[in-house]
């Protein structure tokens, strides 16, 4: 595993038994889920911040163009 990413090439994948492949897929999905949760939290925080700033500017009647 390198930087949190599991890299398996085609040759290694073909040599794996089905049970090991299933665990690799499961672990990959769990890792992706954890990363998406972090991204979703950042997305919400940045959306809130942008909305607050945009709302404040609109309330003040600021024109950018």
N, C-alpha and C. Protein backbone atom coordinates (compact mmCIF):
# COMPACT_ATOMS: atom_id res chain seq x y z
N UNK A 1 0.85 -1.17 0.00
CA UNK A 1 0.00 0.00 0.00
C UNK A 1 0.90 1.23 0.00
N UNK A 2 0.58 2.16 -0.87
CA UNK A 2 1.42 3.33 -1.06
C UNK A 2 0.56 4.58 -0.89
N UNK A 3 0.86 5.41 0.08
CA UNK A 3 0.10 6.64 0.34
C UNK A 3 -1.39 6.36 0.54
N UNK A 4 -1.73 5.25 1.13
CA UNK A 4 -3.12 4.93 1.37
C UNK A 4 -3.82 4.27 0.19
N UNK A 5 -3.12 4.13 -0.92
CA UNK A 5 -3.71 3.52 -2.10
C UNK A 5 -3.12 2.13 -2.29
N UNK A 6 -3.98 1.18 -2.53
CA UNK A 6 -3.55 -0.18 -2.80
C UNK A 6 -3.43 -0.33 -4.31
N UNK A 7 -2.25 -0.69 -4.77
CA UNK A 7 -2.03 -0.82 -6.20
C UNK A 7 -1.75 -2.29 -6.51
N UNK A 8 -2.62 -2.89 -7.31
CA UNK A 8 -2.45 -4.27 -7.72
C UNK A 8 -2.47 -4.29 -9.24
N UNK A 9 -1.41 -4.83 -9.82
CA UNK A 9 -1.39 -4.89 -11.28
C UNK A 9 -2.14 -6.14 -11.76
N UNK A 10 -2.35 -6.19 -13.06
CA UNK A 10 -3.17 -7.27 -13.64
C UNK A 10 -2.56 -8.65 -13.39
N UNK A 11 -1.25 -8.73 -13.48
CA UNK A 11 -0.57 -10.02 -13.28
C UNK A 11 -0.79 -10.52 -11.85
N UNK A 12 -0.64 -9.63 -10.87
CA UNK A 12 -0.86 -10.02 -9.47
C UNK A 12 -2.32 -10.39 -9.22
N UNK A 13 -3.24 -9.63 -9.84
CA UNK A 13 -4.67 -9.87 -9.66
C UNK A 13 -5.06 -11.26 -10.16
N UNK A 14 -4.52 -11.65 -11.31
CA UNK A 14 -4.85 -12.97 -11.88
C UNK A 14 -4.35 -14.10 -11.01
N UNK A 15 -3.27 -13.87 -10.27
CA UNK A 15 -2.71 -14.92 -9.42
C UNK A 15 -3.37 -15.05 -8.07
N UNK A 16 -4.26 -14.14 -7.73
CA UNK A 16 -4.90 -14.17 -6.42
C UNK A 16 -6.07 -15.14 -6.39
N UNK A 17 -6.28 -15.73 -5.23
CA UNK A 17 -7.45 -16.59 -5.06
C UNK A 17 -8.69 -15.71 -4.88
N UNK A 18 -9.86 -16.20 -5.24
CA UNK A 18 -11.09 -15.39 -5.18
C UNK A 18 -11.38 -14.77 -3.82
N UNK A 19 -11.09 -15.48 -2.74
CA UNK A 19 -11.36 -14.93 -1.41
C UNK A 19 -10.48 -13.71 -1.14
N UNK A 20 -9.23 -13.78 -1.55
CA UNK A 20 -8.31 -12.64 -1.37
C UNK A 20 -8.74 -11.46 -2.23
N UNK A 21 -9.23 -11.73 -3.45
CA UNK A 21 -9.74 -10.66 -4.31
C UNK A 21 -10.93 -9.97 -3.66
N UNK A 22 -11.82 -10.76 -3.08
CA UNK A 22 -12.99 -10.18 -2.42
C UNK A 22 -12.57 -9.26 -1.28
N UNK A 23 -11.55 -9.65 -0.50
CA UNK A 23 -11.08 -8.81 0.60
C UNK A 23 -10.45 -7.53 0.07
N UNK A 24 -9.71 -7.62 -1.03
CA UNK A 24 -9.12 -6.42 -1.61
C UNK A 24 -10.20 -5.44 -2.08
N UNK A 25 -11.23 -5.97 -2.70
CA UNK A 25 -12.34 -5.13 -3.15
C UNK A 25 -13.04 -4.50 -1.95
N UNK A 26 -13.30 -5.30 -0.93
CA UNK A 26 -13.95 -4.80 0.28
C UNK A 26 -13.14 -3.68 0.93
N UNK A 27 -11.84 -3.91 1.10
CA UNK A 27 -10.98 -2.91 1.72
C UNK A 27 -10.90 -1.64 0.88
N UNK A 28 -10.87 -1.78 -0.43
CA UNK A 28 -10.84 -0.62 -1.31
C UNK A 28 -12.11 0.19 -1.17
N UNK A 29 -13.26 -0.47 -1.14
CA UNK A 29 -14.53 0.24 -0.98
C UNK A 29 -14.62 0.95 0.37
N UNK A 30 -14.13 0.32 1.41
CA UNK A 30 -14.14 0.94 2.74
C UNK A 30 -13.25 2.19 2.76
N UNK A 31 -12.09 2.10 2.11
CA UNK A 31 -11.18 3.23 2.04
C UNK A 31 -11.80 4.38 1.25
N UNK A 32 -12.44 4.05 0.13
CA UNK A 32 -13.09 5.08 -0.69
C UNK A 32 -14.23 5.74 0.08
N UNK A 33 -14.98 4.97 0.84
CA UNK A 33 -16.08 5.51 1.62
C UNK A 33 -15.57 6.51 2.66
N UNK A 34 -14.48 6.16 3.34
CA UNK A 34 -13.91 7.05 4.34
C UNK A 34 -13.44 8.35 3.71
N UNK A 35 -12.81 8.26 2.55
CA UNK A 35 -12.32 9.46 1.87
C UNK A 35 -13.47 10.33 1.39
N UNK A 36 -14.52 9.72 0.88
CA UNK A 36 -15.67 10.49 0.41
C UNK A 36 -16.36 11.21 1.57
N UNK A 37 -16.40 10.59 2.72
CA UNK A 37 -16.99 11.25 3.89
C UNK A 37 -16.22 12.52 4.25
N UNK A 38 -14.90 12.45 4.17
CA UNK A 38 -14.08 13.63 4.45
C UNK A 38 -14.34 14.71 3.41
N UNK A 39 -14.39 14.33 2.14
CA UNK A 39 -14.65 15.30 1.07
C UNK A 39 -16.03 15.93 1.22
N UNK A 40 -17.01 15.15 1.61
CA UNK A 40 -18.36 15.68 1.80
C UNK A 40 -18.41 16.69 2.94
N UNK A 41 -17.65 16.44 4.00
CA UNK A 41 -17.60 17.40 5.10
C UNK A 41 -16.99 18.71 4.64
N UNK A 42 -15.89 18.63 3.87
CA UNK A 42 -15.25 19.84 3.34
C UNK A 42 -16.19 20.57 2.39
N UNK A 43 -16.91 19.82 1.58
CA UNK A 43 -17.83 20.42 0.63
C UNK A 43 -18.91 21.22 1.37
N UNK A 44 -19.45 20.63 2.42
CA UNK A 44 -20.48 21.33 3.20
C UNK A 44 -19.92 22.58 3.85
N UNK A 45 -18.73 22.48 4.41
CA UNK A 45 -18.13 23.63 5.08
C UNK A 45 -17.84 24.75 4.08
N UNK A 46 -17.29 24.42 2.93
CA UNK A 46 -16.98 25.43 1.93
C UNK A 46 -18.25 26.02 1.32
N UNK A 47 -19.27 25.21 1.15
CA UNK A 47 -20.54 25.71 0.64
C UNK A 47 -21.16 26.70 1.62
N UNK A 48 -21.12 26.36 2.89
CA UNK A 48 -21.64 27.26 3.92
C UNK A 48 -20.87 28.58 3.92
N UNK A 49 -19.56 28.49 3.87
CA UNK A 49 -18.72 29.69 3.86
C UNK A 49 -19.02 30.56 2.65
N UNK A 50 -19.10 29.94 1.48
CA UNK A 50 -19.42 30.69 0.25
C UNK A 50 -20.79 31.32 0.31
N UNK A 51 -21.74 30.61 0.86
CA UNK A 51 -23.09 31.13 0.99
C UNK A 51 -23.16 32.32 1.94
N UNK A 52 -22.43 32.22 3.04
CA UNK A 52 -22.39 33.33 3.99
C UNK A 52 -21.75 34.57 3.38
N UNK A 53 -20.64 34.38 2.71
CA UNK A 53 -19.95 35.51 2.08
C UNK A 53 -20.81 36.10 0.97
N UNK A 54 -21.36 35.25 0.13
CA UNK A 54 -22.22 35.72 -0.96
C UNK A 54 -23.46 36.43 -0.45
N UNK A 55 -24.05 35.88 0.60
CA UNK A 55 -25.23 36.50 1.19
C UNK A 55 -24.92 37.86 1.80
N UNK A 56 -23.79 37.94 2.46
CA UNK A 56 -23.38 39.21 3.07
C UNK A 56 -23.13 40.27 2.00
N UNK A 57 -22.45 39.87 0.92
CA UNK A 57 -22.18 40.82 -0.17
C UNK A 57 -23.48 41.25 -0.86
N UNK A 58 -24.38 40.30 -1.04
CA UNK A 58 -25.67 40.64 -1.68
C UNK A 58 -26.46 41.57 -0.77
N UNK A 59 -26.39 41.33 0.52
CA UNK A 59 -27.08 42.18 1.47
C UNK A 59 -26.54 43.61 1.48
N UNK A 60 -25.25 43.72 1.22
CA UNK A 60 -24.63 45.04 1.16
C UNK A 60 -24.79 45.69 -0.22
N UNK A 61 -25.28 44.92 -1.17
CA UNK A 61 -25.48 45.46 -2.50
C UNK A 61 -24.20 45.63 -3.28
N UNK A 62 -23.22 44.79 -3.03
CA UNK A 62 -21.93 44.88 -3.71
C UNK A 62 -22.06 44.25 -5.09
N UNK A 63 -21.58 44.97 -6.10
CA UNK A 63 -21.55 44.45 -7.46
C UNK A 63 -20.09 44.21 -7.85
N UNK A 64 -19.82 43.01 -8.36
CA UNK A 64 -18.47 42.70 -8.76
C UNK A 64 -18.18 43.11 -10.19
N UNK A 65 -19.18 43.17 -11.03
CA UNK A 65 -18.94 43.53 -12.43
C UNK A 65 -19.68 44.79 -12.80
